Amino acid sequence: MNEVETLDKLKRRNEDIDPIKFEHLCKSIVEEIENPDGIETTRRSKDHGIDVQGYVGNEFYTGEFGVQVKQYSNKISSGAVRELAGSLQGEGFGFGTLITTSS
């Protein structure tokens, strides 16, 4: 299996995973890559669109971050990106990202 086939298989598999488990998977990926402090998945309700949050800090930069997780098969719209920006600003996060099964 080549790289493209492998990525396609992973994408299909992640589209079918339970949404809560997918949020936890994304949390684990952020945790592994960034090694943040206090990372956690948020409550299912009243999370203002933020699914994972945490804190990073070192000598040059510190801040809280938020992650929005989208299990979409269709392309993410610019509205979803604006929604993320509004959620980050509204909740006082310094920065954030969107993780999706789509593009």
PDB file of N, CA and C in Angstrom:
ATOM      1  N   MET A   1       0.851  -1.173   0.000  1.00  0.00           N
ATOM      2  CA  MET A   1       0.000   0.000   0.000  1.00  0.00           C
ATOM      3  C   MET A   1       0.898   1.238   0.000  1.00  0.00           C
ATOM      4  N   ASN A   2       0.629   2.178  -0.916  1.00  0.00           N
ATOM      5  CA  ASN A   2       1.447   3.382  -0.980  1.00  0.00           C
ATOM      6  C   ASN A   2       0.927   4.439  -0.002  1.00  0.00           C
ATOM      7  N   GLU A   3       1.630   5.557   0.088  1.00  0.00           N
ATOM      8  CA  GLU A   3       1.296   6.597   1.056  1.00  0.00           C
ATOM      9  C   GLU A   3      -0.102   7.178   0.827  1.00  0.00           C
ATOM     10  N   VAL A   4      -0.456   7.443  -0.411  1.00  0.00           N
ATOM     11  CA  VAL A   4      -1.770   8.007  -0.724  1.00  0.00           C
ATOM     12  C   VAL A   4      -2.881   7.046  -0.305  1.00  0.00           C
ATOM     13  N   GLU A   5      -2.706   5.753  -0.604  1.00  0.00           N
ATOM     14  CA  GLU A   5      -3.706   4.758  -0.215  1.00  0.00           C
ATOM     15  C   GLU A   5      -3.820   4.669   1.311  1.00  0.00           C
ATOM     16  N   THR A   6      -2.693   4.724   1.988  1.00  0.00           N
ATOM     17  CA  THR A   6      -2.690   4.658   3.449  1.00  0.00           C
ATOM     18  C   THR A   6      -3.425   5.856   4.048  1.00  0.00           C
ATOM     19  N   LEU A   7      -3.141   7.059   3.551  1.00  0.00           N
ATOM     20  CA  LEU A   7      -3.805   8.257   4.053  1.00  0.00           C
ATOM     21  C   LEU A   7      -5.306   8.214   3.768  1.00  0.00           C
ATOM     22  N   ASP A   8      -5.684   7.733   2.609  1.00  0.00           N
ATOM     23  CA  ASP A   8      -7.092   7.622   2.263  1.00  0.00           C
ATOM     24  C   ASP A   8      -7.806   6.635   3.184  1.00  0.00           C
ATOM     25  N   LYS A   9      -7.150   5.531   3.479  1.00  0.00           N
ATOM     26  CA  LYS A   9      -7.727   4.532   4.381  1.00  0.00           C
ATOM     27  C   LYS A   9      -7.899   5.116   5.786  1.00  0.00           C
ATOM     28  N   LEU A  10      -6.894   5.855   6.269  1.00  0.00           N
ATOM     29  CA  LEU A  10      -6.992   6.492   7.585  1.00  0.00           C
ATOM     30  C   LEU A  10      -8.114   7.517   7.618  1.00  0.00           C
ATOM     31  N   LYS A  11      -8.247   8.289   6.555  1.00  0.00           N
ATOM     32  CA  LYS A  11      -9.304   9.292   6.480  1.00  0.00           C
ATOM     33  C   LYS A  11     -10.678   8.629   6.584  1.00  0.00           C
ATOM     34  N   ARG A  12     -10.914   7.587   5.809  1.00  0.00           N
ATOM     35  CA  ARG A  12     -12.201   6.881   5.850  1.00  0.00           C
ATOM     36  C   ARG A  12     -12.458   6.298   7.238  1.00  0.00           C
ATOM     37  N   ARG A  13     -11.435   5.758   7.830  1.00  0.00           N
ATOM     38  CA  ARG A  13     -11.577   5.149   9.157  1.00  0.00           C
ATOM     39  C   ARG A  13     -11.930   6.209  10.208  1.00  0.00           C
ATOM     40  N   ASN A  14     -11.300   7.382  10.123  1.00  0.00           N
ATOM     41  CA  ASN A  14     -11.567   8.445  11.088  1.00  0.00           C
ATOM     42  C   ASN A  14     -12.925   9.093  10.886  1.00  0.00           C
ATOM     43  N   GLU A  15     -13.480   9.013   9.682  1.00  0.00           N
ATOM     44  CA  GLU A  15     -14.824   9.531   9.452  1.00  0.00           C
ATOM     45  C   GLU A  15     -15.867   8.661  10.145  1.00  0.00           C
ATOM     46  N   ASP A  16     -15.561   7.390  10.364  1.00  0.00           N
ATOM     47  CA  ASP A  16     -16.511   6.451  10.945  1.00  0.00           C
ATOM     48  C   ASP A  16     -16.382   6.293  12.462  1.00  0.00           C
ATOM     49  N   ILE A  17     -15.329   6.813  13.060  1.00  0.00           N
ATOM     50  CA  ILE A  17     -15.113   6.661  14.493  1.00  0.00           C
ATOM     51  C   ILE A  17     -16.136   7.496  15.278  1.00  0.00           C
ATOM     52  N   ASP A  18     -16.496   7.055  16.448  1.00  0.00           N
ATOM     53  CA  ASP A  18     -17.393   7.791  17.329  1.00  0.00           C
ATOM     54  C   ASP A  18     -16.834   9.211  17.548  1.00  0.00           C
ATOM     55  N   PRO A  19     -17.668  10.251  17.458  1.00  0.00           N
ATOM     56  CA  PRO A  19     -17.183  11.627  17.582  1.00  0.00           C
ATOM     57  C   PRO A  19     -16.406  11.921  18.868  1.00  0.00           C
ATOM     58  N   ILE A  20     -16.838  11.381  19.974  1.00  0.00           N
ATOM     59  CA  ILE A  20     -16.119  11.614  21.235  1.00  0.00           C
ATOM     60  C   ILE A  20     -14.762  10.934  21.198  1.00  0.00           C
ATOM     61  N   LYS A  21     -14.706   9.724  20.665  1.00  0.00           N
ATOM     62  CA  LYS A  21     -13.428   9.032  20.535  1.00  0.00           C
ATOM     63  C   LYS A  21     -12.511   9.782  19.571  1.00  0.00           C
ATOM     64  N   PHE A  22     -13.088  10.381  18.525  1.00  0.00           N
ATOM     65  CA  PHE A  22     -12.276  11.153  17.588  1.00  0.00           C
ATOM     66  C   PHE A  22     -11.679  12.380  18.273  1.00  0.00           C
ATOM     67  N   GLU A  23     -12.444  13.045  19.126  1.00  0.00           N
ATOM     68  CA  GLU A  23     -11.905  14.185  19.886  1.00  0.00           C
ATOM     69  C   GLU A  23     -10.742  13.735  20.772  1.00  0.00           C
ATOM     70  N   HIS A  24     -10.898  12.595  21.418  1.00  0.00           N
ATOM     71  CA  HIS A  24      -9.823  12.079  22.272  1.00  0.00           C
ATOM     72  C   HIS A  24      -8.597  11.681  21.447  1.00  0.00           C
ATOM     73  N   LEU A  25      -8.818  11.134  20.263  1.00  0.00           N
ATOM     74  CA  LEU A  25      -7.708  10.818  19.360  1.00  0.00           C
ATOM     75  C   LEU A  25      -6.956  12.092  18.983  1.00  0.00           C
ATOM     76  N   CYS A  26      -7.694  13.137  18.629  1.00  0.00           N
ATOM     77  CA  CYS A  26      -7.060  14.407  18.268  1.00  0.00           C
ATOM     78  C   CYS A  26      -6.297  14.998  19.450  1.00  0.00           C
ATOM     79  N   LYS A  27      -6.859  14.899  20.643  1.00  0.00           N
ATOM     80  CA  LYS A  27      -6.161  15.355  21.855  1.00  0.00           C
ATOM     81  C   LYS A  27      -4.838  14.616  22.003  1.00  0.00           C
ATOM     82  N   SER A  28      -4.870  13.303  21.807  1.00  0.00           N
ATOM     83  CA  SER A  28      -3.650  12.493  21.935  1.00  0.00           C
ATOM     84  C   SER A  28      -2.601  12.888  20.901  1.00  0.00           C
ATOM     85  N   ILE A  29      -3.048  13.214  19.697  1.00  0.00           N
ATOM     86  CA  ILE A  29      -2.106  13.629  18.646  1.00  0.00           C
ATOM     87  C   ILE A  29      -1.458  14.954  19.009  1.00  0.00           C
ATOM     88  N   VAL A  30      -2.263  15.931  19.454  1.00  0.00           N
ATOM     89  CA  VAL A  30      -1.709  17.234  19.864  1.00  0.00           C
ATOM     90  C   VAL A  30      -0.750  17.038  21.028  1.00  0.00           C
ATOM     91  N   GLU A  31      -1.135  16.197  21.954  1.00  0.00           N
ATOM     92  CA  GLU A  31      -0.302  15.910  23.127  1.00  0.00           C
ATOM     93  C   GLU A  31       1.051  15.329  22.714  1.00  0.00           C
ATOM     94  N   GLU A  32       1.037  14.406  21.787  1.00  0.00           N
ATOM     95  CA  GLU A  32       2.262  13.758  21.328  1.00  0.00           C
ATOM     96  C   GLU A  32       3.168  14.729  20.578  1.00  0.00           C
ATOM     97  N   ILE A  33       2.585  15.570  19.749  1.00  0.00           N
ATOM     98  CA  ILE A  33       3.386  16.469  18.919  1.00  0.00           C
ATOM     99  C   ILE A  33       3.876  17.683  19.695  1.00  0.00           C
ATOM    100  N   GLU A  34       3.010  18.307  20.489  1.00  0.00           N
ATOM    101  CA  GLU A  34       3.335  19.582  21.130  1.00  0.00           C
ATOM    102  C   GLU A  34       3.740  19.477  22.598  1.00  0.00           C
ATOM    103  N   ASN A  35       3.378  18.381  23.252  1.00  0.00           N
ATOM    104  CA  ASN A  35       3.678  18.186  24.666  1.00  0.00           C
ATOM    105  C   ASN A  35       3.205  19.370  25.526  1.00  0.00           C
ATOM    106  N   PRO A  36       1.914  19.754  25.401  1.00  0.00           N
ATOM    107  CA  PRO A  36       1.415  20.901  26.152  1.00  0.00           C
ATOM    108  C   PRO A  36       1.084  20.542  27.594  1.00  0.00           C
ATOM    109  N   ASP A  37       0.891  21.568  28.400  1.00  0.00           N
ATOM    110  CA  ASP A  37       0.457  21.382  29.785  1.00  0.00           C
ATOM    111  C   ASP A  37      -1.061  21.467  29.853  1.00  0.00           C
ATOM    112  N   GLY A  38      -1.638  20.766  30.778  1.00  0.00           N
ATOM    113  CA  GLY A  38      -3.059  20.878  31.066  1.00  0.00           C
ATOM    114  C   GLY A  38      -3.985  20.619  29.901  1.00  0.00           C
ATOM    115  N   ILE A  39      -3.602  19.763  28.996  1.00  0.00           N
ATOM    116  CA  ILE A  39      -4.458  19.501  27.831  1.00  0.00           C
ATOM    117  C   ILE A  39      -5.625  18.622  28.250  1.00  0.00           C
ATOM    118  N   GLU A  40      -6.800  18.963  27.730  1.00  0.00           N
ATOM    119  CA  GLU A  40      -7.998  18.204  28.056  1.00  0.00           C
ATOM    120  C   GLU A  40      -9.041  18.381  26.965  1.00  0.00           C
ATOM    121  N   THR A  41      -9.932  17.408  26.865  1.00  0.00           N
ATOM    122  CA  THR A  41     -11.090  17.585  26.002  1.00  0.00           C
ATOM    123  C   THR A  41     -12.119  18.360  26.819  1.00  0.00           C
ATOM    124  N   THR A  42     -12.929  19.152  26.145  1.00  0.00           N
ATOM    125  CA  THR A  42     -13.911  19.977  26.839  1.00  0.00           C
ATOM    126  C   THR A  42     -15.218  19.221  26.998  1.00  0.00           C
ATOM    127  N   ARG A  43     -16.118  19.789  27.788  1.00  0.00           N
ATOM    128  CA  ARG A  43     -17.454  19.211  27.939  1.00  0.00           C
ATOM    129  C   ARG A  43     -18.144  19.200  26.593  1.00  0.00           C
ATOM    130  N   ARG A  44     -19.038  18.286  26.399  1.00  0.00           N
ATOM    131  CA  ARG A  44     -19.761  18.173  25.112  1.00  0.00           C
ATOM    132  C   ARG A  44     -20.680  19.367  24.877  1.00  0.00           C
ATOM    133  N   SER A  45     -21.283  19.899  25.918  1.00  0.00           N
ATOM    134  CA  SER A  45     -22.194  21.033  25.733  1.00  0.00           C
ATOM    135  C   SER A  45     -21.557  22.301  26.279  1.00  0.00           C
ATOM    136  N   LYS A  46     -21.938  23.412  25.708  1.00  0.00           N
ATOM    137  CA  LYS A  46     -21.452  24.727  26.128  1.00  0.00           C
ATOM    138  C   LYS A  46     -19.935  24.851  26.031  1.00  0.00           C
ATOM    139  N   ASP A  47     -19.347  24.195  25.014  1.00  0.00           N
ATOM    140  CA  ASP A  47     -17.899  24.296  24.833  1.00  0.00           C
ATOM    141  C   ASP A  47     -17.530  25.402  23.856  1.00  0.00           C
ATOM    142  N   HIS A  48     -18.535  26.100  23.328  1.00  0.00           N
ATOM    143  CA  HIS A  48     -18.341  27.219  22.396  1.00  0.00           C
ATOM    144  C   HIS A  48     -17.527  26.818  21.173  1.00  0.00           C
ATOM    145  N   GLY A  49     -17.646  25.553  20.772  1.00  0.00           N
ATOM    146  CA  GLY A  49     -16.966  25.085  19.568  1.00  0.00           C
ATOM    147  C   GLY A  49     -15.553  24.595  19.791  1.00  0.00           C
ATOM    148  N   ILE A  50     -15.043  24.724  20.989  1.00  0.00           N
ATOM    149  CA  ILE A  50     -13.687  24.255  21.289  1.00  0.00           C
ATOM    150  C   ILE A  50     -13.794  22.855  21.884  1.00  0.00           C
ATOM    151  N   ASP A  51     -13.079  21.902  21.290  1.00  0.00           N
ATOM    152  CA  ASP A  51     -13.170  20.505  21.712  1.00  0.00           C
ATOM    153  C   ASP A  51     -11.991  20.054  22.560  1.00  0.00           C
ATOM    154  N   VAL A  52     -10.850  20.689  22.356  1.00  0.00           N
ATOM    155  CA  VAL A  52      -9.628  20.367  23.109  1.00  0.00           C
ATOM    156  C   VAL A  52      -8.991  21.688  23.495  1.00  0.00           C
ATOM    157  N   GLN A  53      -8.478  21.764  24.713  1.00  0.00           N
ATOM    158  CA  GLN A  53      -7.797  22.987  25.141  1.00  0.00           C
ATOM    159  C   GLN A  53      -6.583  22.631  25.974  1.00  0.00           C
ATOM    160  N   GLY A  54      -5.666  23.567  26.055  1.00  0.00           N
ATOM    161  CA  GLY A  54      -4.457  23.338  26.829  1.00  0.00           C
ATOM    162  C   GLY A  54      -3.619  24.594  26.918  1.00  0.00           C
ATOM    163  N   TYR A  55      -2.412  24.416  27.370  1.00  0.00           N
ATOM    164  CA  TYR A  55      -1.496  25.518  27.632  1.00  0.00           C
ATOM    165  C   TYR A  55      -0.098  25.112  27.184  1.00  0.00           C
ATOM    166  N   VAL A  56       0.563  25.995  26.493  1.00  0.00           N
ATOM    167  CA  VAL A  56       1.954  25.762  26.126  1.00  0.00           C
ATOM    168  C   VAL A  56       2.786  26.934  26.625  1.00  0.00           C
ATOM    169  N   GLY A  57       4.012  26.644  26.932  1.00  0.00           N
ATOM    170  CA  GLY A  57       4.876  27.716  27.397  1.00  0.00           C
ATOM    171  C   GLY A  57       6.333  27.313  27.374  1.00  0.00           C
ATOM    172  N   ASN A  58       7.130  28.277  27.052  1.00  0.00           N
ATOM    173  CA  ASN A  58       8.577  28.114  27.129  1.00  0.00           C
ATOM    174  C   ASN A  58       9.181  29.488  27.372  1.00  0.00           C
ATOM    175  N   GLU A  59      10.431  29.661  27.113  1.00  0.00           N
ATOM    176  CA  GLU A  59      11.093  30.926  27.399  1.00  0.00           C
ATOM    177  C   GLU A  59      10.567  32.086  26.567  1.00  0.00           C
ATOM    178  N   PHE A  60      10.124  31.837  25.358  1.00  0.00           N
ATOM    179  CA  PHE A  60       9.768  32.912  24.450  1.00  0.00           C
ATOM    180  C   PHE A  60       8.278  33.132  24.275  1.00  0.00           C
ATOM    181  N   TYR A  61       7.464  32.133  24.542  1.00  0.00           N
ATOM    182  CA  TYR A  61       6.042  32.283  24.300  1.00  0.00           C
ATOM    183  C   TYR A  61       5.258  31.378  25.240  1.00  0.00           C
ATOM    184  N   THR A  62       4.190  31.933  25.784  1.00  0.00           N
ATOM    185  CA  THR A  62       3.260  31.125  26.568  1.00  0.00           C
ATOM    186  C   THR A  62       1.843  31.479  26.142  1.00  0.00           C
ATOM    187  N   GLY A  63       0.957  30.544  26.248  1.00  0.00           N
ATOM    188  CA  GLY A  63      -0.426  30.843  25.914  1.00  0.00           C
ATOM    189  C   GLY A  63      -1.336  29.646  25.979  1.00  0.00           C
ATOM    190  N   GLU A  64      -2.606  29.960  26.110  1.00  0.00           N
ATOM    191  CA  GLU A  64      -3.631  28.921  26.069  1.00  0.00           C
ATOM    192  C   GLU A  64      -4.076  28.738  24.626  1.00  0.00           C
ATOM    193  N   PHE A  65      -4.400  27.504  24.282  1.00  0.00           N
ATOM    194  CA  PHE A  65      -4.838  27.228  22.921  1.00  0.00           C
ATOM    195  C   PHE A  65      -6.124  26.423  22.925  1.00  0.00           C
ATOM    196  N   GLY A  66      -6.833  26.513  21.818  1.00  0.00           N
ATOM    197  CA  GLY A  66      -8.053  25.738  21.620  1.00  0.00           C
ATOM    198  C   GLY A  66      -7.994  25.008  20.294  1.00  0.00           C
ATOM    199  N   VAL A  67      -8.608  23.853  20.253  1.00  0.00           N
ATOM    200  CA  VAL A  67      -8.656  23.050  19.039  1.00  0.00           C
ATOM    201  C   VAL A  67     -10.118  22.716  18.763  1.00  0.00           C
ATOM    202  N   GLN A  68     -10.525  22.932  17.534  1.00  0.00           N
ATOM    203  CA  GLN A  68     -11.852  22.514  17.108  1.00  0.00           C
ATOM    204  C   GLN A  68     -11.687  21.292  16.221  1.00  0.00           C
ATOM    205  N   VAL A  69     -12.491  20.275  16.471  1.00  0.00           N
ATOM    206  CA  VAL A  69     -12.409  19.011  15.747  1.00  0.00           C
ATOM    207  C   VAL A  69     -13.655  18.876  14.874  1.00  0.00           C
ATOM    208  N   LYS A  70     -13.433  18.619  13.587  1.00  0.00           N
ATOM    209  CA  LYS A  70     -14.548  18.463  12.648  1.00  0.00           C
ATOM    210  C   LYS A  70     -14.398  17.141  11.902  1.00  0.00           C
ATOM    211  N   GLN A  71     -15.382  16.289  12.035  1.00  0.00           N
ATOM    212  CA  GLN A  71     -15.422  15.016  11.318  1.00  0.00           C
ATOM    213  C   GLN A  71     -16.300  15.190  10.090  1.00  0.00           C
ATOM    214  N   TYR A  72     -15.759  15.785   9.060  1.00  0.00           N
ATOM    215  CA  TYR A  72     -16.513  16.077   7.847  1.00  0.00           C
ATOM    216  C   TYR A  72     -15.989  15.260   6.685  1.00  0.00           C
ATOM    217  N   SER A  73     -16.884  14.921   5.779  1.00  0.00           N
ATOM    218  CA  SER A  73     -16.437  14.312   4.529  1.00  0.00           C
ATOM    219  C   SER A  73     -16.365  15.380   3.441  1.00  0.00           C
ATOM    220  N   ASN A  74     -17.142  16.467   3.598  1.00  0.00           N
ATOM    221  CA  ASN A  74     -17.092  17.573   2.650  1.00  0.00           C
ATOM    222  C   ASN A  74     -16.033  18.589   3.078  1.00  0.00           C
ATOM    223  N   LYS A  75     -15.632  19.416   2.152  1.00  0.00           N
ATOM    224  CA  LYS A  75     -14.627  20.441   2.397  1.00  0.00           C
ATOM    225  C   LYS A  75     -15.103  21.415   3.483  1.00  0.00           C
ATOM    226  N   ILE A  76     -14.198  21.805   4.377  1.00  0.00           N
ATOM    227  CA  ILE A  76     -14.513  22.772   5.428  1.00  0.00           C
ATOM    228  C   ILE A  76     -14.735  24.138   4.791  1.00  0.00           C
ATOM    229  N   SER A  77     -15.779  24.822   5.203  1.00  0.00           N
ATOM    230  CA  SER A  77     -16.092  26.134   4.636  1.00  0.00           C
ATOM    231  C   SER A  77     -15.326  27.239   5.356  1.00  0.00           C
ATOM    232  N   SER A  78     -15.249  28.388   4.727  1.00  0.00           N
ATOM    233  CA  SER A  78     -14.614  29.541   5.370  1.00  0.00           C
ATOM    234  C   SER A  78     -15.408  29.952   6.609  1.00  0.00           C
ATOM    235  N   GLY A  79     -16.720  29.691   6.615  1.00  0.00           N
ATOM    236  CA  GLY A  79     -17.538  29.981   7.790  1.00  0.00           C
ATOM    237  C   GLY A  79     -17.099  29.191   9.012  1.00  0.00           C
ATOM    238  N   ALA A  80     -16.701  27.944   8.812  1.00  0.00           N
ATOM    239  CA  ALA A  80     -16.215  27.119   9.924  1.00  0.00           C
ATOM    240  C   ALA A  80     -14.918  27.676  10.480  1.00  0.00           C
ATOM    241  N   VAL A  81     -14.077  28.197   9.610  1.00  0.00           N
ATOM    242  CA  VAL A  81     -12.813  28.794  10.056  1.00  0.00           C
ATOM    243  C   VAL A  81     -13.097  30.084  10.827  1.00  0.00           C
ATOM    244  N   ARG A  82     -14.037  30.887  10.336  1.00  0.00           N
ATOM    245  CA  ARG A  82     -14.414  32.116  11.058  1.00  0.00           C
ATOM    246  C   ARG A  82     -15.031  31.773  12.416  1.00  0.00           C
ATOM    247  N   GLU A  83     -15.819  30.707  12.456  1.00  0.00           N
ATOM    248  CA  GLU A  83     -16.414  30.261  13.713  1.00  0.00           C
ATOM    249  C   GLU A  83     -15.317  29.903  14.719  1.00  0.00           C
ATOM    250  N   LEU A  84     -14.298  29.203  14.253  1.00  0.00           N
ATOM    251  CA  LEU A  84     -13.172  28.861  15.124  1.00  0.00           C
ATOM    252  C   LEU A  84     -12.501  30.136  15.633  1.00  0.00           C
ATOM    253  N   ALA A  85     -12.239  31.077  14.745  1.00  0.00           N
ATOM    254  CA  ALA A  85     -11.584  32.331  15.151  1.00  0.00           C
ATOM    255  C   ALA A  85     -12.413  33.055  16.209  1.00  0.00           C
ATOM    256  N   GLY A  86     -13.726  33.101  16.009  1.00  0.00           N
ATOM    257  CA  GLY A  86     -14.601  33.742  16.984  1.00  0.00           C
ATOM    258  C   GLY A  86     -14.605  33.016  18.318  1.00  0.00           C
ATOM    259  N   SER A  87     -14.600  31.695  18.284  1.00  0.00           N
ATOM    260  CA  SER A  87     -14.564  30.906  19.522  1.00  0.00           C
ATOM    261  C   SER A  87     -13.265  31.138  20.279  1.00  0.00           C
ATOM    262  N   LEU A  88     -12.160  31.155  19.554  1.00  0.00           N
ATOM    263  CA  LEU A  88     -10.868  31.383  20.201  1.00  0.00           C
ATOM    264  C   LEU A  88     -10.827  32.753  20.867  1.00  0.00           C
ATOM    265  N   GLN A  89     -11.262  33.763  20.132  1.00  0.00           N
ATOM    266  CA  GLN A  89     -11.248  35.122  20.667  1.00  0.00           C
ATOM    267  C   GLN A  89     -12.225  35.251  21.829  1.00  0.00           C
ATOM    268  N   GLY A  90     -13.418  34.718  21.668  1.00  0.00           N
ATOM    269  CA  GLY A  90     -14.442  34.821  22.693  1.00  0.00           C
ATOM    270  C   GLY A  90     -14.081  34.134  23.996  1.00  0.00           C
ATOM    271  N   GLU A  91     -13.308  33.075  23.900  1.00  0.00           N
ATOM    272  CA  GLU A  91     -12.919  32.319  25.093  1.00  0.00           C
ATOM    273  C   GLU A  91     -11.548  32.721  25.631  1.00  0.00           C
ATOM    274  N   GLY A  92     -10.888  33.673  24.966  1.00  0.00           N
ATOM    275  CA  GLY A  92      -9.613  34.188  25.467  1.00  0.00           C
ATOM    276  C   GLY A  92      -8.396  33.338  25.147  1.00  0.00           C
ATOM    277  N   PHE A  93      -8.497  32.472  24.132  1.00  0.00           N
ATOM    278  CA  PHE A  93      -7.341  31.665  23.748  1.00  0.00           C
ATOM    279  C   PHE A  93      -6.366  32.506  22.922  1.00  0.00           C
ATOM    280  N   GLY A  94      -5.088  32.263  23.096  1.00  0.00           N
ATOM    281  CA  GLY A  94      -4.077  32.988  22.342  1.00  0.00           C
ATOM    282  C   GLY A  94      -3.970  32.513  20.901  1.00  0.00           C
ATOM    283  N   PHE A  95      -4.276  31.252  20.680  1.00  0.00           N
ATOM    284  CA  PHE A  95      -4.201  30.680  19.333  1.00  0.00           C
ATOM    285  C   PHE A  95      -4.924  29.352  19.310  1.00  0.00           C
ATOM    286  N   GLY A  96      -5.077  28.796  18.124  1.00  0.00           N
ATOM    287  CA  GLY A  96      -5.748  27.522  18.018  1.00  0.00           C
ATOM    288  C   GLY A  96      -5.643  26.955  16.627  1.00  0.00           C
ATOM    289  N   THR A  97      -6.271  25.813  16.454  1.00  0.00           N
ATOM    290  CA  THR A  97      -6.240  25.141  15.161  1.00  0.00           C
ATOM    291  C   THR A  97      -7.511  24.335  14.967  1.00  0.00           C
ATOM    292  N   LEU A  98      -7.713  23.941  13.748  1.00  0.00           N
ATOM    293  CA  LEU A  98      -8.846  23.102  13.384  1.00  0.00           C
ATOM    294  C   LEU A  98      -8.277  21.789  12.862  1.00  0.00           C
ATOM    295  N   ILE A  99      -8.751  20.684  13.417  1.00  0.00           N
ATOM    296  CA  ILE A  99      -8.347  19.356  12.951  1.00  0.00           C
ATOM    297  C   ILE A  99      -9.575  18.729  12.314  1.00  0.00           C
ATOM    298  N   THR A 100      -9.408  18.205  11.102  1.00  0.00           N
ATOM    299  CA  THR A 100     -10.544  17.663  10.376  1.00  0.00           C
ATOM    300  C   THR A 100     -10.168  16.405   9.600  1.00  0.00           C
ATOM    301  N   THR A 101     -11.178  15.632   9.298  1.00  0.00           N
ATOM    302  CA  THR A 101     -11.009  14.485   8.416  1.00  0.00           C
ATOM    303  C   THR A 101     -11.138  14.922   6.967  1.00  0.00           C
ATOM    304  N   SER A 102     -11.459  16.182   6.757  1.00  0.00           N
ATOM    305  CA  SER A 102     -11.696  16.730   5.423  1.00  0.00           C
ATOM    306  C   SER A 102     -10.511  17.606   4.996  1.00  0.00           C
ATOM    307  N   SER A 103     -10.812  18.543   4.111  1.00  0.00           N
ATOM    308  CA  SER A 103      -9.782  19.508   3.682  1.00  0.00           C
ATOM    309  C   SER A 103     -10.319  20.910   3.846  1.00  0.00           C
TER     310      SER A 103
END
